[in-house]
């Protein structure tokens, strides 16, 4: 398979993942809405339970059986809503994802086989380091960063095929730095992409990268690079196993 076919297959794979990611984000948003409404209902049930205790104190005779039924119904509703809350908030249960080093290395090899853009990987994390991201999510972060750089590279080319920008001397290639940093006394993983190409605006592939980062408690940041070009940082909180 030629590099062109490999790249087309990689782009198609990325687009399918983006569609799946959009569905997951929609589901997550709906779950948070349900969780918020469930919390409101739990507060109302607590009011009913407190009111039933006051009624039991003030009433006598036949009212006792009615109040007991009311308290039982409220207690059953509270248990059911608590179960619904647990289902509606799966993102609150944080578990370690895939080892970062192996997932990133495999993704970079896939990109190298599918693209003419040079990718220089600098891996400086322990083999066991993990975030919330699955191996698939980490791979698509790398795919998104590199496909975006390839798009920027193509946009920097002049119509006649010569390199554009900086007097026609814009070199090809990106660097990926994978490192761990302490931010506000918390460990974070940073996936830093340095490119010698100035990015114009927001490319589509970066939207998926940012969505993956936000979904897993992180963010995507942009900054200028010393000596020209751009630097993007995908920051993800580290999750320790055990």
C-alpha atoms as a PDB file:
ATOM      1  CA  UNK A   1       0.000   0.000   0.000  1.00  0.00           C
ATOM      2  CA  UNK A   2       1.374   3.424  -0.993  1.00  0.00           C
ATOM      3  CA  UNK A   3       1.785   6.305   1.452  1.00  0.00           C
ATOM      4  CA  UNK A   4      -1.147   8.062  -0.233  1.00  0.00           C
ATOM      5  CA  UNK A   5      -3.423   5.095   0.395  1.00  0.00           C
ATOM      6  CA  UNK A   6      -2.070   4.736   3.940  1.00  0.00           C
ATOM      7  CA  UNK A   7      -2.806   8.404   4.624  1.00  0.00           C
ATOM      8  CA  UNK A   8      -6.322   8.157   3.180  1.00  0.00           C
ATOM      9  CA  UNK A   9      -6.973   5.128   5.384  1.00  0.00           C
ATOM     10  CA  UNK A  10      -5.651   7.010   8.417  1.00  0.00           C
ATOM     11  CA  UNK A  11      -7.836  10.041   7.674  1.00  0.00           C
ATOM     12  CA  UNK A  12     -10.890   7.803   7.272  1.00  0.00           C
ATOM     13  CA  UNK A  13     -10.056   6.085  10.573  1.00  0.00           C
ATOM     14  CA  UNK A  14      -9.738   9.481  12.262  1.00  0.00           C
ATOM     15  CA  UNK A  15     -13.085  10.669  10.879  1.00  0.00           C
ATOM     16  CA  UNK A  16     -14.866   7.523  12.109  1.00  0.00           C
ATOM     17  CA  UNK A  17     -13.372   8.052  15.552  1.00  0.00           C
ATOM     18  CA  UNK A  18     -14.462  11.716  15.546  1.00  0.00           C
ATOM     19  CA  UNK A  19     -18.041  10.647  14.800  1.00  0.00           C
ATOM     20  CA  UNK A  20     -17.915   8.128  17.660  1.00  0.00           C
ATOM     21  CA  UNK A  21     -16.376  10.748  19.962  1.00  0.00           C
ATOM     22  CA  UNK A  22     -19.145  13.232  19.140  1.00  0.00           C
ATOM     23  CA  UNK A  23     -21.735  10.614  20.093  1.00  0.00           C
ATOM     24  CA  UNK A  24     -19.924   9.915  23.380  1.00  0.00           C
ATOM     25  CA  UNK A  25     -19.751  13.624  24.220  1.00  0.00           C
ATOM     26  CA  UNK A  26     -23.488  13.986  23.529  1.00  0.00           C
ATOM     27  CA  UNK A  27     -24.198  11.016  25.785  1.00  0.00           C
ATOM     28  CA  UNK A  28     -21.949  12.446  28.493  1.00  0.00           C
ATOM     29  CA  UNK A  29     -23.724  15.819  28.285  1.00  0.00           C
ATOM     30  CA  UNK A  30     -27.135  14.161  28.550  1.00  0.00           C
ATOM     31  CA  UNK A  31     -25.930  12.093  31.513  1.00  0.00           C
ATOM     32  CA  UNK A  32     -24.788  15.227  33.333  1.00  0.00           C
ATOM     33  CA  UNK A  33     -28.194  16.815  32.716  1.00  0.00           C
ATOM     34  CA  UNK A  34     -29.942  13.731  34.118  1.00  0.00           C
ATOM     35  CA  UNK A  35     -27.586  13.737  37.099  1.00  0.00           C
ATOM     36  CA  UNK A  36     -28.419  17.377  37.829  1.00  0.00           C
ATOM     37  CA  UNK A  37     -32.166  16.761  37.708  1.00  0.00           C
ATOM     38  CA  UNK A  38     -31.754  13.630  39.825  1.00  0.00           C
ATOM     39  CA  UNK A  39     -29.923  15.638  42.453  1.00  0.00           C
ATOM     40  CA  UNK A  40     -32.816  18.138  42.529  1.00  0.00           C
ATOM     41  CA  UNK A  41     -35.321  15.300  42.973  1.00  0.00           C
ATOM     42  CA  UNK A  42     -33.256  13.842  45.815  1.00  0.00           C
ATOM     43  CA  UNK A  43     -33.448  17.189  47.583  1.00  0.00           C
ATOM     44  CA  UNK A  44     -37.253  17.224  47.188  1.00  0.00           C
ATOM     45  CA  UNK A  45     -37.509  13.684  48.553  1.00  0.00           C
ATOM     46  CA  UNK A  46     -35.454  14.695  51.564  1.00  0.00           C
ATOM     47  CA  UNK A  47     -37.953  17.482  52.219  1.00  0.00           C
ATOM     48  CA  UNK A  48     -40.806  14.946  52.012  1.00  0.00           C
ATOM     49  CA  UNK A  49     -39.006  12.650  54.467  1.00  0.00           C
ATOM     50  CA  UNK A  50     -38.473  15.482  56.962  1.00  0.00           C
ATOM     51  CA  UNK A  51     -42.103  16.572  56.583  1.00  0.00           C
ATOM     52  CA  UNK A  52     -43.331  13.024  57.220  1.00  0.00           C
ATOM     53  CA  UNK A  53     -41.326  12.902  60.456  1.00  0.00           C
ATOM     54  CA  UNK A  54     -42.998  16.108  61.579  1.00  0.00           C
ATOM     55  CA  UNK A  55     -46.439  14.761  60.625  1.00  0.00           C
ATOM     56  CA  UNK A  56     -45.782  11.580  62.581  1.00  0.00           C
ATOM     57  CA  UNK A  57     -44.934  13.663  65.628  1.00  0.00           C
ATOM     58  CA  UNK A  58     -48.083  15.744  65.400  1.00  0.00           C
ATOM     59  CA  UNK A  59     -50.655  13.202  64.232  1.00  0.00           C
ATOM     60  CA  UNK A  60     -52.157  10.238  66.056  1.00  0.00           C
ATOM     61  CA  UNK A  61     -54.498   7.368  65.315  1.00  0.00           C
ATOM     62  CA  UNK A  62     -55.175   6.210  61.770  1.00  0.00           C
ATOM     63  CA  UNK A  63     -52.762   8.766  60.277  1.00  0.00           C
ATOM     64  CA  UNK A  64     -49.796   6.691  61.427  1.00  0.00           C
ATOM     65  CA  UNK A  65     -50.294   4.029  58.733  1.00  0.00           C
ATOM     66  CA  UNK A  66     -50.573   6.658  55.991  1.00  0.00           C
ATOM     67  CA  UNK A  67     -47.406   8.404  57.199  1.00  0.00           C
ATOM     68  CA  UNK A  68     -45.513   5.083  57.320  1.00  0.00           C
ATOM     69  CA  UNK A  69     -46.502   4.390  53.697  1.00  0.00           C
ATOM     70  CA  UNK A  70     -45.407   7.908  52.732  1.00  0.00           C
ATOM     71  CA  UNK A  71     -42.015   7.455  54.388  1.00  0.00           C
ATOM     72  CA  UNK A  72     -41.515   4.048  52.751  1.00  0.00           C
ATOM     73  CA  UNK A  73     -42.372   5.421  49.300  1.00  0.00           C
ATOM     74  CA  UNK A  74     -39.960   8.325  49.776  1.00  0.00           C
ATOM     75  CA  UNK A  75     -37.197   6.001  50.956  1.00  0.00           C
ATOM     76  CA  UNK A  76     -37.693   3.680  47.960  1.00  0.00           C
ATOM     77  CA  UNK A  77     -37.617   6.659  45.587  1.00  0.00           C
ATOM     78  CA  UNK A  78     -34.402   7.921  47.193  1.00  0.00           C
ATOM     79  CA  UNK A  79     -32.655   4.568  46.701  1.00  0.00           C
ATOM     80  CA  UNK A  80     -33.747   4.359  43.050  1.00  0.00           C
ATOM     81  CA  UNK A  81     -32.617   7.920  42.320  1.00  0.00           C
ATOM     82  CA  UNK A  82     -29.274   7.254  44.019  1.00  0.00           C
ATOM     83  CA  UNK A  83     -28.755   4.278  41.682  1.00  0.00           C
ATOM     84  CA  UNK A  84     -29.677   6.473  38.702  1.00  0.00           C
ATOM     85  CA  UNK A  85     -27.186   9.103  39.869  1.00  0.00           C
ATOM     86  CA  UNK A  86     -24.399   6.509  39.917  1.00  0.00           C
ATOM     87  CA  UNK A  87     -25.215   5.477  36.341  1.00  0.00           C
ATOM     88  CA  UNK A  88     -25.537   9.079  35.135  1.00  0.00           C
ATOM     89  CA  UNK A  89     -22.115  10.076  36.444  1.00  0.00           C
ATOM     90  CA  UNK A  90     -19.662   7.432  35.168  1.00  0.00           C
ATOM     91  CA  UNK A  91     -17.032  10.140  34.590  1.00  0.00           C
ATOM     92  CA  UNK A  92     -16.768  10.615  38.342  1.00  0.00           C
ATOM     93  CA  UNK A  93     -15.227   7.139  38.600  1.00  0.00           C
ATOM     94  CA  UNK A  94     -11.619   7.716  37.551  1.00  0.00           C
ATOM     95  CA  UNK A  95      -9.596   4.679  36.500  1.00  0.00           C
ATOM     96  CA  UNK A  96      -6.175   4.487  34.829  1.00  0.00           C
ATOM     97  CA  UNK A  97      -6.184   4.267  31.054  1.00  0.00           C
ATOM     98  CA  UNK A  98      -3.567   2.787  28.744  1.00  0.00           C
ATOM     99  CA  UNK A  99       0.195   3.190  29.297  1.00  0.00           C
ATOM    100  CA  UNK A 100       1.103   6.383  27.466  1.00  0.00           C
ATOM    101  CA  UNK A 101       4.517   5.413  26.110  1.00  0.00           C
ATOM    102  CA  UNK A 102       3.435   2.284  24.250  1.00  0.00           C
ATOM    103  CA  UNK A 103       0.264   3.888  22.843  1.00  0.00           C
ATOM    104  CA  UNK A 104       2.055   7.011  21.593  1.00  0.00           C
ATOM    105  CA  UNK A 105       4.956   5.054  20.090  1.00  0.00           C
ATOM    106  CA  UNK A 106       2.588   2.779  18.157  1.00  0.00           C
ATOM    107  CA  UNK A 107       0.587   5.782  16.905  1.00  0.00           C
ATOM    108  CA  UNK A 108       3.707   7.585  15.714  1.00  0.00           C
ATOM    109  CA  UNK A 109       4.801   4.493  13.777  1.00  0.00           C
ATOM    110  CA  UNK A 110       1.384   4.426  12.096  1.00  0.00           C
ATOM    111  CA  UNK A 111       1.743   8.095  11.143  1.00  0.00           C
ATOM    112  CA  UNK A 112       5.253   7.595   9.785  1.00  0.00           C
ATOM    113  CA  UNK A 113       3.986   4.815   7.540  1.00  0.00           C
ATOM    114  CA  UNK A 114       1.095   6.939   6.263  1.00  0.00           C
ATOM    115  CA  UNK A 115       2.590  10.423   5.876  1.00  0.00           C
ATOM    116  CA  UNK A 116       5.549  12.135   4.239  1.00  0.00           C
ATOM    117  CA  UNK A 117       5.792  14.590   7.133  1.00  0.00           C
ATOM    118  CA  UNK A 118       8.690  13.827   9.466  1.00  0.00           C
ATOM    119  CA  UNK A 119       7.794  13.101  13.095  1.00  0.00           C
ATOM    120  CA  UNK A 120      10.587  13.328  15.679  1.00  0.00           C
ATOM    121  CA  UNK A 121       9.409  11.685  18.916  1.00  0.00           C
ATOM    122  CA  UNK A 122      10.954  12.604  22.280  1.00  0.00           C
ATOM    123  CA  UNK A 123       9.522  10.215  24.871  1.00  0.00           C
ATOM    124  CA  UNK A 124      10.438  11.135  28.448  1.00  0.00           C
ATOM    125  CA  UNK A 125       7.894   9.368  30.663  1.00  0.00           C
ATOM    126  CA  UNK A 126       7.949   6.168  32.704  1.00  0.00           C
ATOM    127  CA  UNK A 127       6.599   3.100  30.854  1.00  0.00           C
ATOM    128  CA  UNK A 128       3.793   2.666  33.396  1.00  0.00           C
ATOM    129  CA  UNK A 129       2.531   6.279  33.304  1.00  0.00           C
ATOM    130  CA  UNK A 130      -1.183   6.521  32.548  1.00  0.00           C
ATOM    131  CA  UNK A 131      -3.932   9.121  32.170  1.00  0.00           C
ATOM    132  CA  UNK A 132      -7.680   8.591  31.832  1.00  0.00           C
ATOM    133  CA  UNK A 133      -7.246   8.107  28.063  1.00  0.00           C
ATOM    134  CA  UNK A 134      -7.591   4.737  26.402  1.00  0.00           C
ATOM    135  CA  UNK A 135      -4.967   3.579  23.901  1.00  0.00           C
ATOM    136  CA  UNK A 136      -7.377   4.476  21.084  1.00  0.00           C
ATOM    137  CA  UNK A 137      -7.878   7.999  22.430  1.00  0.00           C
ATOM    138  CA  UNK A 138      -4.129   8.565  22.809  1.00  0.00           C
ATOM    139  CA  UNK A 139      -3.575   7.294  19.279  1.00  0.00           C
ATOM    140  CA  UNK A 140      -6.154   9.708  17.882  1.00  0.00           C
ATOM    141  CA  UNK A 141      -4.571  12.605  19.776  1.00  0.00           C
ATOM    142  CA  UNK A 142      -1.345  11.824  17.888  1.00  0.00           C
ATOM    143  CA  UNK A 143      -3.214  11.339  14.594  1.00  0.00           C
ATOM    144  CA  UNK A 144      -5.014  14.647  15.056  1.00  0.00           C
ATOM    145  CA  UNK A 145      -1.854  16.589  15.863  1.00  0.00           C
ATOM    146  CA  UNK A 146       0.049  15.159  12.908  1.00  0.00           C
ATOM    147  CA  UNK A 147      -2.808  15.392  10.375  1.00  0.00           C
ATOM    148  CA  UNK A 148      -3.329  19.004  11.427  1.00  0.00           C
ATOM    149  CA  UNK A 149       0.380  19.700  10.862  1.00  0.00           C
ATOM    150  CA  UNK A 150       0.183  18.043   7.446  1.00  0.00           C
ATOM    151  CA  UNK A 151      -2.782  20.275   6.574  1.00  0.00           C
ATOM    152  CA  UNK A 152      -0.844  23.351   7.675  1.00  0.00           C
ATOM    153  CA  UNK A 153       2.157  22.189   5.671  1.00  0.00           C
ATOM    154  CA  UNK A 154      -0.001  21.821   2.555  1.00  0.00           C
ATOM    155  CA  UNK A 155      -1.472  25.294   3.088  1.00  0.00           C
ATOM    156  CA  UNK A 156       2.055  26.693   3.367  1.00  0.00           C
ATOM    157  CA  UNK A 157       2.953  25.314  -0.064  1.00  0.00           C
ATOM    158  CA  UNK A 158       2.825  27.738  -2.978  1.00  0.00           C
ATOM    159  CA  UNK A 159       0.504  26.917  -5.934  1.00  0.00           C
ATOM    160  CA  UNK A 160       3.530  25.818  -7.985  1.00  0.00           C
ATOM    161  CA  UNK A 161       4.497  23.263  -5.303  1.00  0.00           C
ATOM    162  CA  UNK A 162       7.388  25.196  -3.803  1.00  0.00           C
ATOM    163  CA  UNK A 163       7.519  25.742  -0.037  1.00  0.00           C
ATOM    164  CA  UNK A 164       5.804  28.912   1.104  1.00  0.00           C
ATOM    165  CA  UNK A 165       6.526  31.287   3.931  1.00  0.00           C
ATOM    166  CA  UNK A 166       9.894  32.573   5.213  1.00  0.00           C
ATOM    167  CA  UNK A 167      11.241  33.075   1.710  1.00  0.00           C
ATOM    168  CA  UNK A 168      10.332  29.539   0.626  1.00  0.00           C
ATOM    169  CA  UNK A 169      12.498  27.930   3.311  1.00  0.00           C
ATOM    170  CA  UNK A 170       9.811  26.366   5.522  1.00  0.00           C
ATOM    171  CA  UNK A 171      11.229  22.909   6.422  1.00  0.00           C
ATOM    172  CA  UNK A 172       8.997  19.901   6.791  1.00  0.00           C
ATOM    173  CA  UNK A 173       8.546  18.039  10.038  1.00  0.00           C
ATOM    174  CA  UNK A 174       7.224  18.255  13.575  1.00  0.00           C
ATOM    175  CA  UNK A 175       8.563  17.312  16.979  1.00  0.00           C
ATOM    176  CA  UNK A 176       6.520  15.534  19.649  1.00  0.00           C
ATOM    177  CA  UNK A 177       7.652  15.848  23.259  1.00  0.00           C
ATOM    178  CA  UNK A 178       5.949  13.499  25.736  1.00  0.00           C
ATOM    179  CA  UNK A 179       6.740  14.547  29.293  1.00  0.00           C
ATOM    180  CA  UNK A 180       5.391  14.677  32.835  1.00  0.00           C
ATOM    181  CA  UNK A 181       5.168  17.955  34.742  1.00  0.00           C
ATOM    182  CA  UNK A 182       3.939  19.064  38.149  1.00  0.00           C
ATOM    183  CA  UNK A 183       1.304  21.803  37.888  1.00  0.00           C
ATOM    184  CA  UNK A 184      -0.188  23.137  41.131  1.00  0.00           C
ATOM    185  CA  UNK A 185       1.323  20.151  42.956  1.00  0.00           C
ATOM    186  CA  UNK A 186      -0.457  17.698  40.643  1.00  0.00           C
ATOM    187  CA  UNK A 187       1.190  15.451  38.023  1.00  0.00           C
ATOM    188  CA  UNK A 188       0.203  16.170  34.429  1.00  0.00           C
ATOM    189  CA  UNK A 189       1.152  14.572  31.130  1.00  0.00           C
ATOM    190  CA  UNK A 190       2.042  17.007  28.378  1.00  0.00           C
ATOM    191  CA  UNK A 191       2.041  16.060  24.717  1.00  0.00           C
ATOM    192  CA  UNK A 192       3.808  18.989  23.083  1.00  0.00           C
ATOM    193  CA  UNK A 193       3.838  19.418  19.317  1.00  0.00           C
ATOM    194  CA  UNK A 194       6.369  21.818  17.933  1.00  0.00           C
ATOM    195  CA  UNK A 195       5.981  22.684  14.258  1.00  0.00           C
ATOM    196  CA  UNK A 196       7.995  24.926  11.974  1.00  0.00           C
ATOM    197  CA  UNK A 197       4.795  25.873  10.153  1.00  0.00           C
ATOM    198  CA  UNK A 198       2.613  28.787  11.231  1.00  0.00           C
ATOM    199  CA  UNK A 199      -0.947  27.502  11.642  1.00  0.00           C
ATOM    200  CA  UNK A 200      -3.646  29.730  10.236  1.00  0.00           C
ATOM    201  CA  UNK A 201      -6.823  29.519  12.311  1.00  0.00           C
ATOM    202  CA  UNK A 202      -8.345  26.315  13.680  1.00  0.00           C
ATOM    203  CA  UNK A 203      -8.058  23.104  11.681  1.00  0.00           C
ATOM    204  CA  UNK A 204     -10.692  20.402  11.928  1.00  0.00           C
ATOM    205  CA  UNK A 205      -8.350  17.762  13.344  1.00  0.00           C
ATOM    206  CA  UNK A 206      -7.541  19.890  16.392  1.00  0.00           C
ATOM    207  CA  UNK A 207     -11.220  19.964  17.377  1.00  0.00           C
ATOM    208  CA  UNK A 208     -11.115  16.205  17.957  1.00  0.00           C
ATOM    209  CA  UNK A 209      -7.848  16.517  19.898  1.00  0.00           C
ATOM    210  CA  UNK A 210      -9.380  19.160  22.164  1.00  0.00           C
ATOM    211  CA  UNK A 211     -12.554  17.091  22.639  1.00  0.00           C
ATOM    212  CA  UNK A 212     -10.500  14.067  23.750  1.00  0.00           C
ATOM    213  CA  UNK A 213      -8.485  16.234  26.161  1.00  0.00           C
ATOM    214  CA  UNK A 214     -11.562  17.880  27.719  1.00  0.00           C
ATOM    215  CA  UNK A 215     -13.382  14.541  27.974  1.00  0.00           C
ATOM    216  CA  UNK A 216     -10.476  13.207  30.052  1.00  0.00           C
ATOM    217  CA  UNK A 217     -10.044  16.228  32.324  1.00  0.00           C
ATOM    218  CA  UNK A 218      -7.416  18.041  30.275  1.00  0.00           C
ATOM    219  CA  UNK A 219      -7.063  20.865  27.779  1.00  0.00           C
ATOM    220  CA  UNK A 220      -5.412  21.947  24.532  1.00  0.00           C
ATOM    221  CA  UNK A 221      -3.282  25.109  24.625  1.00  0.00           C
ATOM    222  CA  UNK A 222      -1.619  27.106  21.834  1.00  0.00           C
ATOM    223  CA  UNK A 223       1.573  29.151  22.058  1.00  0.00           C
ATOM    224  CA  UNK A 224       4.255  30.626  19.835  1.00  0.00           C
ATOM    225  CA  UNK A 225       7.529  28.782  19.453  1.00  0.00           C
ATOM    226  CA  UNK A 226      10.912  30.361  19.923  1.00  0.00           C
ATOM    227  CA  UNK A 227      12.499  30.896  16.558  1.00  0.00           C
ATOM    228  CA  UNK A 228       9.149  30.862  14.754  1.00  0.00           C
ATOM    229  CA  UNK A 229       6.362  28.389  14.207  1.00  0.00           C
ATOM    230  CA  UNK A 230       3.828  27.157  16.706  1.00  0.00           C
ATOM    231  CA  UNK A 231       3.607  24.923  19.737  1.00  0.00           C
ATOM    232  CA  UNK A 232       0.539  23.040  20.900  1.00  0.00           C
ATOM    233  CA  UNK A 233       0.282  21.408  24.300  1.00  0.00           C
ATOM    234  CA  UNK A 234      -2.205  18.684  25.147  1.00  0.00           C
ATOM    235  CA  UNK A 235      -2.290  18.547  28.961  1.00  0.00           C
ATOM    236  CA  UNK A 236      -3.847  15.524  30.665  1.00  0.00           C
ATOM    237  CA  UNK A 237      -3.996  14.727  34.391  1.00  0.00           C
ATOM    238  CA  UNK A 238      -1.914  11.695  35.345  1.00  0.00           C
ATOM    239  CA  UNK A 239      -3.808   8.809  36.951  1.00  0.00           C
ATOM    240  CA  UNK A 240      -1.771   6.544  39.187  1.00  0.00           C
ATOM    241  CA  UNK A 241      -2.646   2.857  39.225  1.00  0.00           C
ATOM    242  CA  UNK A 242      -3.594   0.953  42.388  1.00  0.00           C
END
